[in-house]
C-alpha atoms as a PDB file:
ATOM      1  CA  MET A   1      28.433 -18.180  16.184  1.00  0.00           C
ATOM      2  CA  LYS A   2      28.986 -18.683  12.299  1.00  0.00           C
ATOM      3  CA  GLU A   3      26.325 -17.573   9.904  1.00  0.00           C
ATOM      4  CA  LYS A   4      25.119 -20.121   7.619  1.00  0.00           C
ATOM      5  CA  GLU A   5      24.656 -17.460   4.861  1.00  0.00           C
ATOM      6  CA  ILE A   6      26.617 -14.068   4.452  1.00  0.00           C
ATOM      7  CA  THR A   7      25.921 -10.840   2.649  1.00  0.00           C
ATOM      8  CA  VAL A   8      29.290 -10.078   0.567  1.00  0.00           C
ATOM      9  CA  LEU A   9      30.313  -7.677  -2.122  1.00  0.00           C
ATOM     10  CA  LYS A  10      30.542  -9.653  -5.143  1.00  0.00           C
ATOM     11  CA  VAL A  11      33.162  -7.660  -7.896  1.00  0.00           C
ATOM     12  CA  GLU A  12      33.602  -9.338 -11.277  1.00  0.00           C
ATOM     13  CA  PRO A  13      35.997  -7.835 -14.382  1.00  0.00           C
ATOM     14  CA  GLY A  14      34.393  -5.415 -16.177  1.00  0.00           C
ATOM     15  CA  LYS A  15      31.370  -5.307 -13.834  1.00  0.00           C
ATOM     16  CA  SER A  16      30.213  -2.883 -11.061  1.00  0.00           C
ATOM     17  CA  PRO A  17      30.237  -4.523  -7.566  1.00  0.00           C
ATOM     18  CA  GLU A  18      26.863  -6.266  -6.558  1.00  0.00           C
ATOM     19  CA  THR A  19      25.822  -7.352  -3.209  1.00  0.00           C
ATOM     20  CA  VAL A  20      24.796 -11.164  -3.102  1.00  0.00           C
ATOM     21  CA  THR A  21      24.054 -13.334  -0.121  1.00  0.00           C
ATOM     22  CA  MET A  22      25.861 -16.579  -0.285  1.00  0.00           C
ATOM     23  CA  PRO A  23      26.226 -19.803   1.637  1.00  0.00           C
ATOM     24  CA  ASN A  24      28.861 -19.464   4.296  1.00  0.00           C
ATOM     25  CA  THR A  25      30.593 -22.693   3.078  1.00  0.00           C
ATOM     26  CA  LEU A  26      34.100 -23.496   1.428  1.00  0.00           C
ATOM     27  CA  ASP A  27      32.629 -24.935  -1.374  1.00  0.00           C
ATOM     28  CA  ALA A  28      30.410 -21.616  -2.150  1.00  0.00           C
ATOM     29  CA  MET A  29      33.379 -19.480  -1.434  1.00  0.00           C
ATOM     30  CA  GLN A  30      35.480 -21.644  -4.162  1.00  0.00           C
ATOM     31  CA  LYS A  31      32.429 -21.471  -6.868  1.00  0.00           C
ATOM     32  CA  MET A  32      32.134 -17.792  -6.461  1.00  0.00           C
ATOM     33  CA  VAL A  33      35.856 -17.441  -7.465  1.00  0.00           C
ATOM     34  CA  GLY A  34      36.511 -20.125  -9.971  1.00  0.00           C
ATOM     35  CA  GLY A  35      38.815 -21.914  -7.906  1.00  0.00           C
ATOM     36  CA  TYR A  36      41.227 -22.582  -4.381  1.00  0.00           C
ATOM     37  CA  ILE A  37      40.167 -19.072  -2.045  1.00  0.00           C
ATOM     38  CA  GLU A  38      43.047 -16.827  -1.102  1.00  0.00           C
ATOM     39  CA  VAL A  39      41.956 -14.413   1.795  1.00  0.00           C
ATOM     40  CA  LEU A  40      43.680 -11.094   1.841  1.00  0.00           C
ATOM     41  CA  PRO A  41      42.855  -9.055   5.371  1.00  0.00           C
ATOM     42  CA  LEU A  42      42.204  -5.454   4.337  1.00  0.00           C
ATOM     43  CA  SER A  43      41.645  -2.676   6.338  1.00  0.00           C
ATOM     44  CA  ASP A  44      38.135  -3.841   8.247  1.00  0.00           C
ATOM     45  CA  VAL A  45      37.071  -6.451   5.342  1.00  0.00           C
ATOM     46  CA  CYS A  46      38.473  -9.519   3.422  1.00  0.00           C
ATOM     47  CA  LEU A  47      39.102  -9.884   0.361  1.00  0.00           C
ATOM     48  CA  VAL A  48      38.583 -13.317  -0.885  1.00  0.00           C
ATOM     49  CA  CYS A  49      39.959 -14.139  -4.371  1.00  0.00           C
ATOM     50  CA  ASN A  50      41.220 -17.053  -6.774  1.00  0.00           C
ATOM     51  CA  GLU A  51      44.522 -18.292  -5.248  1.00  0.00           C
ATOM     52  CA  ASP A  52      45.933 -19.589  -8.632  1.00  0.00           C
ATOM     53  CA  GLY A  53      44.035 -16.866 -10.748  1.00  0.00           C
ATOM     54  CA  LYS A  54      47.157 -15.233 -12.336  1.00  0.00           C
ATOM     55  CA  LEU A  55      48.649 -18.728 -13.309  1.00  0.00           C
ATOM     56  CA  MET A  56      45.433 -19.790 -14.602  1.00  0.00           C
ATOM     57  CA  GLY A  57      45.686 -16.326 -16.803  1.00  0.00           C
ATOM     58  CA  LEU A  58      42.164 -14.825 -15.395  1.00  0.00           C
ATOM     59  CA  GLU A  59      41.082 -11.479 -16.482  1.00  0.00           C
ATOM     60  CA  GLY A  60      42.603  -8.733 -14.736  1.00  0.00           C
ATOM     61  CA  ASN A  61      39.794  -7.180 -12.379  1.00  0.00           C
ATOM     62  CA  ARG A  62      40.827  -4.461  -9.973  1.00  0.00           C
ATOM     63  CA  ARG A  63      44.305  -2.950  -9.128  1.00  0.00           C
ATOM     64  CA  LEU A  64      44.873  -3.073  -5.251  1.00  0.00           C
ATOM     65  CA  GLY A  65      48.111  -0.930  -4.297  1.00  0.00           C
ATOM     66  CA  ASN A  66      50.656  -1.920  -6.590  1.00  0.00           C
ATOM     67  CA  ASP A  67      48.950  -5.345  -7.487  1.00  0.00           C
ATOM     68  CA  ILE A  68      46.130  -6.756  -9.321  1.00  0.00           C
ATOM     69  CA  ILE A  69      43.493  -8.855  -8.512  1.00  0.00           C
ATOM     70  CA  VAL A  70      42.514 -11.054 -10.992  1.00  0.00           C
ATOM     71  CA  GLY A  71      39.143 -13.194 -11.733  1.00  0.00           C
ATOM     72  CA  THR A  72      36.071 -12.633  -9.749  1.00  0.00           C
ATOM     73  CA  PHE A  73      36.327 -11.967  -5.877  1.00  0.00           C
ATOM     74  CA  PHE A  74      34.461 -10.925  -3.308  1.00  0.00           C
ATOM     75  CA  LEU A  75      34.907  -8.751  -0.056  1.00  0.00           C
ATOM     76  CA  ALA A  76      33.339 -10.068   3.199  1.00  0.00           C
ATOM     77  CA  GLY A  77      33.597  -9.166   6.948  1.00  0.00           C
ATOM     78  CA  ASP A  78      35.656 -11.331   9.754  1.00  0.00           C
ATOM     79  CA  THR A  79      34.668 -12.151  13.246  1.00  0.00           C
ATOM     80  CA  GLN A  80      37.464 -12.311  15.869  1.00  0.00           C
ATOM     81  CA  SER A  81      37.542 -16.035  15.712  1.00  0.00           C
ATOM     82  CA  GLY A  82      38.592 -15.604  12.049  1.00  0.00           C
ATOM     83  CA  ASP A  83      35.136 -16.755  10.319  1.00  0.00           C
ATOM     84  CA  LEU A  84      33.861 -14.787   7.332  1.00  0.00           C
ATOM     85  CA  CYS A  85      30.620 -12.950   8.295  1.00  0.00           C
ATOM     86  CA  SER A  86      28.137 -10.549   6.565  1.00  0.00           C
ATOM     87  CA  LEU A  87      29.447  -7.297   5.717  1.00  0.00           C
ATOM     88  CA  THR A  88      27.623  -4.029   7.227  1.00  0.00           C
ATOM     89  CA  HIS A  89      25.613  -1.954   5.550  1.00  0.00           C
ATOM     90  CA  GLU A  90      28.475   0.848   5.583  1.00  0.00           C
ATOM     91  CA  GLN A  91      31.110  -1.583   4.431  1.00  0.00           C
ATOM     92  CA  ILE A  92      28.947  -2.379   1.612  1.00  0.00           C
ATOM     93  CA  GLN A  93      28.358   1.302   0.715  1.00  0.00           C
ATOM     94  CA  HIS A  94      32.094   2.171   1.514  1.00  0.00           C
ATOM     95  CA  PHE A  95      33.656  -0.627  -0.607  1.00  0.00           C
ATOM     96  CA  GLY A  96      31.004  -0.567  -3.223  1.00  0.00           C
ATOM     97  CA  GLU A  97      31.972   3.073  -4.034  1.00  0.00           C
ATOM     98  CA  VAL A  98      35.691   2.053  -3.749  1.00  0.00           C
ATOM     99  CA  PHE A  99      35.616  -0.670  -6.258  1.00  0.00           C
ATOM    100  CA  ALA A 100      32.963   0.957  -8.480  1.00  0.00           C
ATOM    101  CA  LYS A 101      34.634   1.932 -11.469  1.00  0.00           C
ATOM    102  CA  PRO A 102      36.091  -1.351 -13.105  1.00  0.00           C
ATOM    103  CA  ASP A 103      39.896  -1.065 -13.959  1.00  0.00           C
ATOM    104  CA  THR A 104      41.412  -1.181 -17.680  1.00  0.00           C
ATOM    105  CA  PHE A 105      44.951  -3.070 -18.215  1.00  0.00           C
ATOM    106  CA  GLN A 106      47.351  -2.561 -21.079  1.00  0.00           C
ATOM    107  CA  PRO A 107      48.334  -5.831 -22.789  1.00  0.00           C
ATOM    108  CA  GLY A 108      50.845  -7.705 -20.406  1.00  0.00           C
ATOM    109  CA  GLU A 109      50.083  -5.548 -17.277  1.00  0.00           C
ATOM    110  CA  VAL A 110      48.591  -8.555 -15.659  1.00  0.00           C
ATOM    111  CA  GLU A 111      50.973 -10.880 -16.372  1.00  0.00           C
ATOM    112  CA  ASP A 112      53.758  -8.328 -15.242  1.00  0.00           C
ATOM    113  CA  ALA A 113      52.031  -8.528 -11.774  1.00  0.00           C
ATOM    114  CA  LEU A 114      53.023 -12.060 -11.395  1.00  0.00           C
ATOM    115  CA  ARG A 115      55.599 -12.378  -9.207  1.00  0.00           C
ATOM    116  CA  ILE A 116      56.841 -15.480  -7.335  1.00  0.00           C
ATOM    117  CA  GLU A 117      59.585 -14.745  -4.379  1.00  0.00           C
ATOM    118  CA  PHE A 118      62.253 -17.427  -3.619  1.00  0.00           C
ATOM    119  CA  TYR A 119      64.128 -16.973  -0.387  1.00  0.00           C
ATOM    120  CA  SER A 120      67.470 -18.566   0.768  1.00  0.00           C
ATOM    121  CA  MET A 121      68.375 -19.466   4.043  1.00  0.00           C
END
């Protein structure tokens, strides 16, 4: 059953992560990230960010592998049916530590992380 409210880890550029409770609705998710959402599956959570953040010129937030996540994002759990759900206490603690320190970026570094790939058939 889909939770009406979910507890997530909100990560804003230049700030430490914070645990927040939000409505489990598309509208609330879009408000949190400032636009259309993109859901990126990680090991045992989902990272939800602004789908057009780099095109909009949002501020660099955190590094993720070889990429840079821009703007505010949040981490949530997911169910087997594909719905987002609350993070566990252990997930909040773990990812709070992973994203604890804000990253800094050199001028142009975020723009360089913008990639569009075209494939011809």
